[in-house]
Protein backbone atom coordinates (compact mmCIF):
# COMPACT_ATOMS: atom_id res chain seq x y z
CA MET A 1 -0.10 -0.07 -0.06
CA ARG A 2 2.82 2.42 0.76
CA GLN A 3 4.32 1.64 -2.36
CA ILE A 4 1.49 2.36 -4.26
CA TYR A 5 1.04 5.67 -2.41
CA SER A 6 4.54 6.53 -3.36
CA TYR A 7 3.84 5.90 -6.98
CA LEU A 8 0.63 8.07 -6.86
CA LEU A 9 2.44 10.93 -5.38
CA ALA A 10 5.22 10.48 -7.99
CA ALA A 11 2.80 10.64 -10.83
CA THR A 12 1.22 13.64 -9.16
CA SER A 13 4.44 15.53 -9.14
CA ILE A 14 5.31 14.60 -12.80
CA ALA A 15 1.93 15.82 -13.66
CA GLY A 16 2.65 19.12 -11.89
CA VAL A 17 5.94 19.07 -13.90
CA VAL A 18 4.06 18.94 -17.32
CA TYR A 19 1.61 21.50 -16.20
CA LEU A 20 4.35 23.82 -15.37
CA PHE A 21 5.83 23.19 -18.84
CA VAL A 22 2.34 23.97 -20.44
CA ILE A 23 2.04 27.09 -18.41
CA SER A 24 5.47 28.13 -19.26
CA PHE A 25 4.86 27.39 -22.98
CA GLY A 26 1.65 29.35 -23.05
CA GLY A 27 3.23 32.19 -21.17
CA ILE A 28 6.11 32.47 -23.88
CA ARG A 29 3.53 32.16 -26.85
CA GLU A 30 1.59 35.11 -25.44
CA PHE A 31 4.96 36.93 -24.60
CA ASP A 32 6.27 39.46 -26.92
CA LEU A 33 9.30 37.26 -28.21
CA GLY A 34 10.80 40.49 -29.32
CA LYS A 35 11.56 41.32 -25.79
CA PHE A 36 14.07 38.46 -25.64
CA SER A 37 16.30 40.39 -27.71
CA ILE A 38 17.20 42.48 -24.78
CA LEU A 39 19.17 39.89 -23.59
CA PHE A 40 21.49 40.50 -26.47
CA GLU A 41 21.22 44.38 -26.56
CA ASN A 42 24.72 44.93 -25.72
CA LEU A 43 28.19 42.96 -25.26
CA PHE A 44 27.75 42.36 -21.52
CA LEU A 45 24.24 41.29 -21.65
CA SER A 46 25.09 39.10 -24.74
CA VAL A 47 28.07 37.41 -23.05
CA VAL A 48 26.21 36.81 -19.66
CA SER A 49 23.05 35.27 -21.34
CA ALA A 50 25.26 33.10 -23.65
CA TYR A 51 27.14 31.75 -20.62
CA LEU A 52 23.99 31.09 -18.91
CA LEU A 53 22.60 29.18 -21.71
CA PHE A 54 25.94 27.09 -21.71
CA PHE A 55 25.66 26.45 -17.89
CA LEU A 56 21.92 25.44 -18.20
CA ALA A 57 22.74 22.93 -21.03
CA LEU A 58 25.68 21.58 -18.72
CA LEU A 59 23.12 21.26 -15.88
CA VAL A 60 20.72 19.32 -18.01
CA LEU A 61 23.52 17.05 -19.22
CA ARG A 62 24.60 16.48 -15.62
CA TYR A 63 21.10 15.47 -14.40
CA ALA A 64 20.46 13.24 -17.33
CA MET A 65 23.90 11.39 -16.95
CA LEU A 66 23.40 11.01 -13.25
CA ILE A 67 20.01 9.52 -13.53
CA LEU A 68 21.12 7.13 -16.36
CA TYR A 69 24.03 5.79 -14.61
CA SER A 70 22.34 5.60 -11.22
CA PHE A 71 19.60 3.45 -12.83
CA MET A 72 22.01 1.34 -14.26
CA GLU A 73 23.84 1.08 -10.94
CA HIS A 74 20.46 0.24 -9.47
CA LEU A 75 19.62 -2.45 -11.90
CA GLU A 76 22.93 -3.95 -11.35
CA ASN A 77 22.59 -4.05 -7.65
CA MET A 78 19.08 -5.49 -7.99
CA MET A 79 20.59 -8.22 -10.04
CA LYS A 80 23.41 -9.08 -7.74
CA ARG A 81 21.17 -9.17 -4.69
CA ARG A 82 19.06 -11.67 -6.52
CA GLN A 83 21.84 -14.05 -7.26
CA GLU A 84 23.26 -13.80 -3.90
CA SER A 85 20.05 -14.71 -2.39
CA GLU A 86 19.59 -17.70 -4.57
CA SER A 87 23.07 -19.03 -4.07
CA ASN A 88 23.01 -18.14 -0.19
CA PHE A 89 26.66 -17.45 -0.56
CA TYR A 90 27.82 -15.98 2.63
CA ASP A 91 28.45 -18.38 5.57
CA ASP A 92 28.63 -16.46 9.11
CA ALA A 93 31.94 -18.47 9.88
CA SER A 94 33.72 -17.31 7.01
CA LEU A 95 32.98 -13.44 7.33
CA PRO A 96 35.96 -11.43 8.10
CA MET A 97 36.38 -9.37 11.19
CA ILE A 98 35.60 -5.64 10.88
CA THR A 99 36.45 -2.91 13.37
CA LEU A 100 34.03 0.06 13.68
CA VAL A 101 36.13 3.12 14.45
CA VAL A 102 34.07 5.77 16.32
CA PRO A 103 36.03 9.05 16.67
CA ALA A 104 34.46 11.16 19.35
CA TYR A 105 34.89 14.85 20.50
CA ASN A 106 32.14 16.23 22.89
CA GLU A 107 29.65 13.79 21.71
CA GLY A 108 28.24 13.40 25.37
CA PRO A 109 24.64 13.95 24.28
CA VAL A 110 24.66 11.17 21.57
CA ILE A 111 27.43 8.90 22.26
CA GLN A 112 25.66 6.19 24.38
CA GLN A 113 22.84 6.01 22.04
CA ALA A 114 25.16 5.51 18.95
CA LEU A 115 27.18 2.88 20.65
CA ARG A 116 24.07 0.98 21.86
CA SER A 117 22.51 1.01 18.36
CA LEU A 118 26.00 -0.38 16.99
CA LEU A 119 25.77 -3.32 19.29
CA LEU A 120 22.47 -4.42 17.38
CA LEU A 121 24.12 -4.66 13.92
CA ASP A 122 23.57 -7.94 12.22
CA TYR A 123 27.04 -9.16 11.82
CA PRO A 124 28.67 -12.12 13.74
CA ASN A 125 32.47 -10.81 13.85
CA TYR A 126 33.03 -7.17 14.82
CA GLU A 127 34.44 -5.11 17.30
CA ILE A 128 33.55 -1.22 18.31
CA LEU A 129 36.71 1.12 18.97
CA VAL A 130 35.85 4.50 20.43
CA ILE A 131 38.53 7.04 19.96
CA ASP A 132 37.93 9.88 22.55
CA ASP A 133 39.76 12.98 20.99
CA GLY A 134 40.54 14.57 24.10
CA SER A 135 36.84 15.63 24.81
CA SER A 136 36.17 18.37 27.35
CA ASP A 137 32.83 16.86 28.27
CA ASP A 138 31.69 13.51 29.57
CA THR A 139 32.02 11.63 26.07
CA TYR A 140 34.74 9.36 27.50
CA GLU A 141 33.04 8.46 30.72
CA LYS A 142 29.77 7.60 28.92
CA ALA A 143 31.58 5.39 26.09
CA LEU A 144 33.55 3.79 28.99
CA ALA A 145 30.28 2.89 30.81
CA VAL A 146 28.78 1.32 27.80
CA ALA A 147 32.21 -0.65 27.18
CA ARG A 148 31.80 -2.10 30.80
CA GLU A 149 28.59 -3.45 30.14
CA ASP A 150 28.09 -7.14 29.35
CA HIS A 151 27.87 -7.59 25.64
CA GLN A 152 28.56 -10.03 23.12
CA VAL A 153 30.52 -7.42 20.91
CA THR A 154 33.94 -6.02 22.20
CA VAL A 155 33.76 -2.30 22.82
CA ARG A 156 37.25 -0.42 23.47
CA VAL A 157 37.55 2.85 24.38
CA ILE A 158 40.91 4.72 23.97
CA THR A 159 41.45 8.55 24.97
CA LYS A 160 43.93 10.62 23.68
CA LYS A 161 45.14 14.24 23.48
CA ASN A 162 42.93 16.27 21.08
CA GLY A 163 44.40 16.22 17.65
CA GLY A 164 41.34 16.39 15.36
CA LYS A 165 39.33 14.01 13.42
CA ALA A 166 41.94 12.84 10.98
CA ASP A 167 44.31 12.06 13.94
CA ALA A 168 41.56 10.09 15.80
CA LEU A 169 40.72 8.04 12.63
CA ASN A 170 44.39 7.20 12.21
CA THR A 171 44.72 6.29 15.83
CA GLY A 172 41.87 3.85 15.15
CA MET A 173 43.37 2.57 12.26
CA SER A 174 46.47 1.60 14.14
CA ALA A 175 44.66 -0.13 17.01
CA ALA A 176 42.16 -1.82 14.99
CA ARG A 177 42.08 -5.64 14.98
CA GLY A 178 39.77 -6.26 11.96
CA GLU A 179 40.88 -6.91 8.38
CA PHE A 180 38.43 -4.22 7.46
CA ILE A 181 37.64 -0.99 9.13
CA LEU A 182 34.26 1.14 9.03
CA ASN A 183 35.08 4.71 9.87
CA MET A 184 32.11 6.68 11.13
CA ASP A 185 31.04 9.66 13.18
CA GLY A 186 30.19 9.57 16.85
CA ASP A 187 26.65 11.00 16.15
CA THR A 188 25.66 8.46 13.52
CA LYS A 189 23.13 5.61 13.73
CA LEU A 190 23.69 2.57 11.20
CA SER A 191 21.11 0.43 9.68
CA ARG A 192 21.27 -3.13 11.10
CA ASN A 193 22.29 -4.55 7.65
CA THR A 194 25.29 -2.22 7.29
CA LEU A 195 28.18 -4.51 7.61
CA ARG A 196 26.85 -7.44 5.68
CA ALA A 197 25.83 -4.98 2.81
CA CYS A 198 29.09 -3.39 2.60
CA ILE A 199 31.39 -6.35 3.03
CA ARG A 200 29.88 -8.28 0.02
CA HIS A 201 31.40 -5.65 -2.26
CA PHE A 202 35.11 -6.88 -1.15
CA ASP A 203 34.87 -9.77 -3.07
CA ASP A 204 36.22 -7.81 -6.08
CA PRO A 205 39.91 -7.49 -5.17
CA ARG A 206 40.15 -3.97 -6.90
CA VAL A 207 37.59 -2.44 -4.33
CA GLY A 208 39.39 -0.62 -1.85
CA ALA A 209 36.57 1.01 0.07
CA VAL A 210 32.74 1.28 0.27
CA ALA A 211 30.64 4.50 0.61
CA GLY A 212 27.40 4.36 2.63
CA ASN A 213 24.21 5.98 2.21
CA VAL A 214 23.67 9.20 4.51
CA LYS A 215 20.27 10.12 5.51
CA VAL A 216 18.76 12.73 7.79
CA LEU A 217 17.34 11.60 10.86
CA ASN A 218 15.94 14.70 12.58
CA ARG A 219 13.30 15.80 9.91
CA GLU A 220 11.61 18.09 12.37
CA ASN A 221 11.39 21.45 10.62
CA LEU A 222 11.46 22.75 7.40
CA LEU A 223 15.25 23.46 7.12
CA THR A 224 15.97 19.72 7.99
CA ARG A 225 13.23 18.35 5.69
CA VAL A 226 14.76 20.18 2.69
CA GLN A 227 18.10 18.81 3.68
CA ALA A 228 16.66 15.23 3.79
CA LEU A 229 15.73 15.94 0.06
CA GLU A 230 19.17 17.25 -0.48
CA TYR A 231 21.02 14.16 0.86
CA VAL A 232 18.63 11.91 -1.18
CA GLU A 233 18.90 14.04 -4.51
CA GLY A 234 22.21 15.74 -4.26
CA LEU A 235 24.37 12.91 -2.60
CA ALA A 236 22.80 9.43 -3.02
CA MET A 237 21.99 10.00 -6.68
CA ALA A 238 25.62 11.14 -7.60
CA ARG A 239 27.13 8.39 -5.47
CA LYS A 240 25.13 5.82 -7.25
CA ALA A 241 26.05 7.15 -10.50
CA GLN A 242 29.69 7.11 -9.84
CA SER A 243 29.68 3.74 -8.11
CA PHE A 244 28.55 2.42 -11.66
CA MET A 245 32.12 3.42 -12.77
CA ARG A 246 33.40 2.19 -9.39
CA ALA A 247 34.68 5.80 -8.80
CA VAL A 248 32.70 7.34 -5.82
CA ASN A 249 34.60 10.75 -5.29
CA ILE A 250 33.69 11.16 -1.67
CA ILE A 251 33.37 8.40 0.89
CA PRO A 252 31.03 10.14 3.59
CA GLY A 253 32.57 10.62 7.04
CA PRO A 254 29.58 8.92 8.72
CA LEU A 255 29.92 5.65 6.85
CA GLY A 256 32.80 4.46 4.96
CA MET A 257 34.23 0.88 4.93
CA PHE A 258 37.83 0.12 4.01
CA ARG A 259 40.44 -2.58 3.69
CA LYS A 260 42.91 -2.01 6.59
CA SER A 261 45.79 -2.60 4.36
CA VAL A 262 44.52 -0.12 1.76
CA LEU A 263 44.24 2.66 4.44
CA GLN A 264 47.80 1.96 5.69
CA GLN A 265 49.41 2.00 2.16
CA ALA A 266 47.65 5.35 1.63
CA GLY A 267 49.04 6.66 4.90
CA GLY A 268 45.86 7.07 6.43
CA TYR A 269 43.99 10.59 6.80
CA ASP A 270 45.89 13.74 6.25
CA HIS A 271 45.57 16.89 8.47
CA ASP A 272 46.03 19.59 5.79
CA THR A 273 42.35 19.80 4.60
CA PHE A 274 38.99 20.51 6.16
CA ALA A 275 37.59 17.64 4.16
CA GLU A 276 39.75 14.74 5.16
CA ASP A 277 37.13 12.20 3.91
CA CYS A 278 37.33 13.70 0.39
CA ASP A 279 41.11 13.86 0.40
CA LEU A 280 41.37 10.29 1.41
CA THR A 281 39.05 9.06 -1.26
CA LEU A 282 40.90 10.84 -3.91
CA LYS A 283 44.21 9.35 -2.56
CA LEU A 284 42.57 5.87 -3.14
CA LEU A 285 41.40 6.72 -6.44
CA MET A 286 44.82 8.04 -7.80
CA ARG A 287 46.23 4.96 -6.42
CA GLY A 288 43.80 3.04 -8.73
CA TRP A 289 41.44 1.70 -6.27
CA HIS A 290 37.91 1.38 -7.07
CA ILE A 291 35.39 2.70 -4.83
CA ALA A 292 31.70 1.34 -4.57
CA TYR A 293 28.48 2.58 -3.09
CA GLU A 294 26.04 0.48 -0.90
CA PRO A 295 22.75 2.23 -0.95
CA THR A 296 21.12 -0.31 1.53
CA ALA A 297 24.06 0.52 4.12
CA ILE A 298 22.38 3.56 5.63
CA ALA A 299 24.00 6.36 8.31
CA TRP A 300 21.38 8.19 9.93
CA VAL A 301 22.77 11.55 11.10
CA GLU A 302 21.71 14.73 12.64
CA THR A 303 21.82 17.61 10.48
CA PRO A 304 21.71 21.37 11.40
CA SER A 305 18.28 22.58 12.32
CA ARG A 306 19.57 26.15 12.50
CA LEU A 307 20.47 28.26 9.47
CA LEU A 308 23.69 29.54 10.83
CA ASP A 309 24.89 26.13 11.84
CA LEU A 310 24.05 24.93 8.51
CA LEU A 311 25.93 27.85 6.59
CA LYS A 312 28.94 27.20 8.75
CA GLN A 313 28.86 23.38 7.76
CA ARG A 314 28.56 24.09 4.21
CA TYR A 315 31.22 26.94 4.34
CA ARG A 316 33.57 24.16 5.86
CA TRP A 317 32.72 21.52 3.35
CA THR A 318 33.26 23.73 0.22
CA ARG A 319 36.65 24.90 1.56
CA GLY A 320 37.82 21.34 2.21
CA ILE A 321 36.69 19.99 -0.94
CA LEU A 322 38.57 22.76 -2.65
CA GLN A 323 41.35 22.05 -0.60
CA ALA A 324 41.51 18.32 -1.38
CA THR A 325 41.04 19.13 -5.19
CA ARG A 326 43.98 21.44 -5.08
CA LYS A 327 46.11 18.69 -3.49
CA HIS A 328 45.34 16.44 -6.38
CA SER A 329 45.19 18.94 -9.28
CA SER A 330 47.94 17.30 -11.45
CA ALA A 331 45.21 15.07 -12.54
CA LEU A 332 43.14 18.23 -13.99
CA TRP A 333 45.89 18.50 -16.75
CA ASN A 334 47.01 14.95 -17.63
CA PRO A 335 43.97 13.12 -18.92
CA ARG A 336 45.95 10.26 -20.23
CA ARG A 337 47.87 9.65 -16.93
CA ALA A 338 44.95 10.23 -14.73
CA GLY A 339 42.18 8.37 -16.58
CA ILE A 340 38.68 8.73 -15.01
CA ASN A 341 40.14 10.82 -12.20
CA PHE A 342 40.50 13.54 -14.72
CA PHE A 343 36.62 13.69 -15.15
CA ILE A 344 36.19 13.07 -11.51
CA LEU A 345 38.16 16.27 -10.52
CA TRP A 346 36.68 18.59 -13.23
CA TYR A 347 33.20 17.33 -12.09
CA MET A 348 34.13 18.29 -8.47
CA LEU A 349 35.10 21.67 -9.64
CA PHE A 350 31.95 22.06 -11.80
CA GLU A 351 29.76 21.22 -8.52
CA GLY A 352 31.99 23.16 -6.27
CA ILE A 353 32.56 26.53 -8.15
CA MET A 354 31.06 26.75 -11.44
CA TRP A 355 27.64 25.71 -10.25
CA PRO A 356 27.17 28.01 -7.25
CA PHE A 357 28.88 31.08 -8.95
CA SER A 358 26.45 30.48 -12.14
CA THR A 359 23.14 30.08 -9.98
CA VAL A 360 24.15 33.37 -8.06
CA LEU A 361 25.12 35.18 -11.20
CA GLY A 362 21.83 34.00 -12.94
CA ASN A 363 19.85 35.32 -10.25
CA LEU A 364 21.34 38.64 -9.92
CA PHE A 365 21.46 39.03 -13.88
CA PHE A 366 17.76 38.47 -14.34
CA VAL A 367 16.94 40.71 -11.25
CA TYR A 368 19.01 43.39 -13.17
CA VAL A 369 17.42 42.66 -16.39
CA GLY A 370 14.04 42.81 -14.62
CA LEU A 371 14.59 46.09 -13.00
CA GLN A 372 16.35 47.75 -15.95
CA TYR A 373 14.09 46.78 -18.74
CA GLY A 374 10.89 45.77 -16.85
CA VAL A 375 10.96 42.09 -17.82
CA VAL A 376 10.82 40.27 -14.37
CA ILE A 377 9.47 37.25 -16.01
CA PHE A 378 13.04 36.15 -17.19
CA LEU A 379 13.84 35.78 -13.51
CA PHE A 380 10.69 33.40 -13.23
CA TYR A 381 11.60 31.47 -16.26
CA TRP A 382 15.10 30.89 -15.06
CA TRP A 383 13.81 29.67 -11.76
CA LEU A 384 11.17 27.46 -13.14
CA GLN A 385 13.68 25.68 -15.70
CA LEU A 386 15.98 25.04 -12.52
CA THR A 387 12.89 23.91 -10.48
CA ILE A 388 11.70 21.57 -13.21
CA LEU A 389 15.01 19.79 -13.11
CA ASP A 390 14.90 19.28 -9.31
CA ILE A 391 11.50 17.94 -9.37
CA VAL A 392 12.50 15.45 -11.92
CA ALA A 393 15.41 14.46 -10.14
CA ALA A 394 13.61 14.37 -6.76
CA THR A 395 10.85 12.20 -7.99
CA TYR A 396 13.28 9.69 -9.48
CA CYS A 397 15.42 9.56 -6.46
CA VAL A 398 12.37 9.20 -4.01
CA ILE A 399 11.14 6.13 -6.04
CA VAL A 400 14.58 4.45 -6.44
CA GLU A 401 15.40 5.22 -2.70
CA GLU A 402 11.93 4.21 -1.49
CA GLU A 403 11.82 7.35 0.46
CA ASP A 404 9.21 9.40 1.93
CA PRO A 405 7.05 10.73 -1.26
CA SER A 406 6.32 14.14 0.43
CA LEU A 407 10.02 15.04 0.13
CA ILE A 408 9.33 15.82 -3.67
CA PHE A 409 7.24 18.71 -2.80
CA TYR A 410 10.18 20.35 -0.95
CA ALA A 411 11.97 20.56 -4.23
CA VAL A 412 10.21 23.84 -4.70
CA VAL A 413 11.44 25.40 -1.41
CA PHE A 414 14.66 24.01 -2.21
CA ARG A 415 14.99 25.94 -5.38
CA LEU A 416 13.23 29.05 -4.25
CA PHE A 417 15.08 29.74 -1.19
CA TYR A 418 17.52 27.19 0.44
CA ILE A 419 19.90 26.48 -2.25
CA THR A 420 20.26 30.26 -3.08
CA ILE A 421 21.43 30.80 0.23
CA ILE A 422 23.85 27.54 0.32
CA ASP A 423 25.20 28.95 -2.92
CA ILE A 424 26.02 32.20 -1.64
CA SER A 425 27.82 30.58 1.31
CA LYS A 426 29.77 28.47 -1.24
CA VAL A 427 30.66 31.64 -3.27
CA PHE A 428 32.16 33.29 -0.07
CA ALA A 429 33.96 29.82 0.87
CA THR A 430 35.44 29.83 -2.53
CA ILE A 431 36.77 33.50 -2.58
CA GLU A 432 38.11 33.13 1.02
CA GLU A 433 39.80 29.93 0.03
CA TRP A 434 41.35 31.70 -2.81
CA ARG A 435 42.47 34.60 -0.70
CA GLY A 436 43.86 32.08 1.83
CA THR A 437 41.66 33.34 4.68
CA ALA A 438 42.45 31.63 7.96
CA MET A 439 39.51 29.29 9.08
CA THR A 440 38.92 26.92 12.23
CA TRP A 441 36.97 23.58 12.20
CA GLY A 442 34.00 24.63 14.25
CA LYS A 443 31.70 21.87 15.55
CA LEU A 444 27.89 21.26 15.33
CA GLN A 445 26.18 21.27 18.91
CA ARG A 446 24.45 17.95 19.02
CA GLU A 447 20.96 17.87 20.30
CA GLY A 448 20.75 14.17 21.19
CA LYS A 449 18.12 13.21 18.79
CA LEU A 450 19.64 9.82 17.88
């Protein structure tokens, strides 16, 4: 019944998109087409108009390719799971040991809930290793209390001087007893099937790591619900498409599984970026390792519920990704040697720099044209085209991910308000990264909603 409801809502949203197309086309027919010549009245308007048309074409191509490749990956995963269920391939006694490394800094409000949820994972051979990174609250004491309880799963707690998340993860890598390591965040709750779902990818000896599917847990207000859509559409769809090529470009911090030997060969995490997960992923790709994506391995995370916290988070993400891209920039100019990494890095620059700058430029440009020439409707058409792309992608992702169909309708809010604010934050982050402005890590204050 729920699936039927999902398809009905999806059909409704698609019908809405078609209706928007009809209204838009009708509006253009009634509109004086001669007014479009305003956009090419002088050199400045002509250059900006041509650039925005080029950007829009790239954006349509990006959406089309991601949907195509993610659907192919979806079909491939369905076939693999069917074959595995028929062959009953995995024997519990043969499954390798996995160490879950949980770096924790001032995670007192959520650490016990997170650890107790990890004790319920469906896997016969794993340990939990908590790395307290010099917390100033009661994180260590609370984690130690869970470790002292009577469990079938071993829970170890190591405390160390504060050195940052990368240092904590490297400490976990050194102390891990498992052949495979699952790195996560201290505020994360994993789906029960996570370990079994991820470990199967390592049957392929070329796979060095597996990225998990990150979803929003605290869907409590407009801001967090829009983020829930963003994670499904903007992150899950991209990773699924990249996984078809075994070249996921960012293994998310909340859920990434690695061969321990591969982590050690890569030298673990570096400290010179604010996106250590992105940097490590690129290091593995540059060494020729394949990186897969497992959509059924879900990490439930608490996202910022206040706008200022969200902007701080995205500012740090943007600068960190730019730092990681710069570290591996040699692949940008050597396509023969870099192979698929050449396209990965240019794609990251497109999403990190060109996209936010172009959308901000487009909004400012059409506001200017509207005020200067009295054709505000151009701004509406610009917004409508981008919104239609978002609704189509959101509909596809909600169906494939079997997500809450109501998320589709947040695509309008996403385009109308949310993404504009995020893009402005990204633009400032890019400018300040280029200028070398100093920044600090910052930390999202947890509200204990696991």
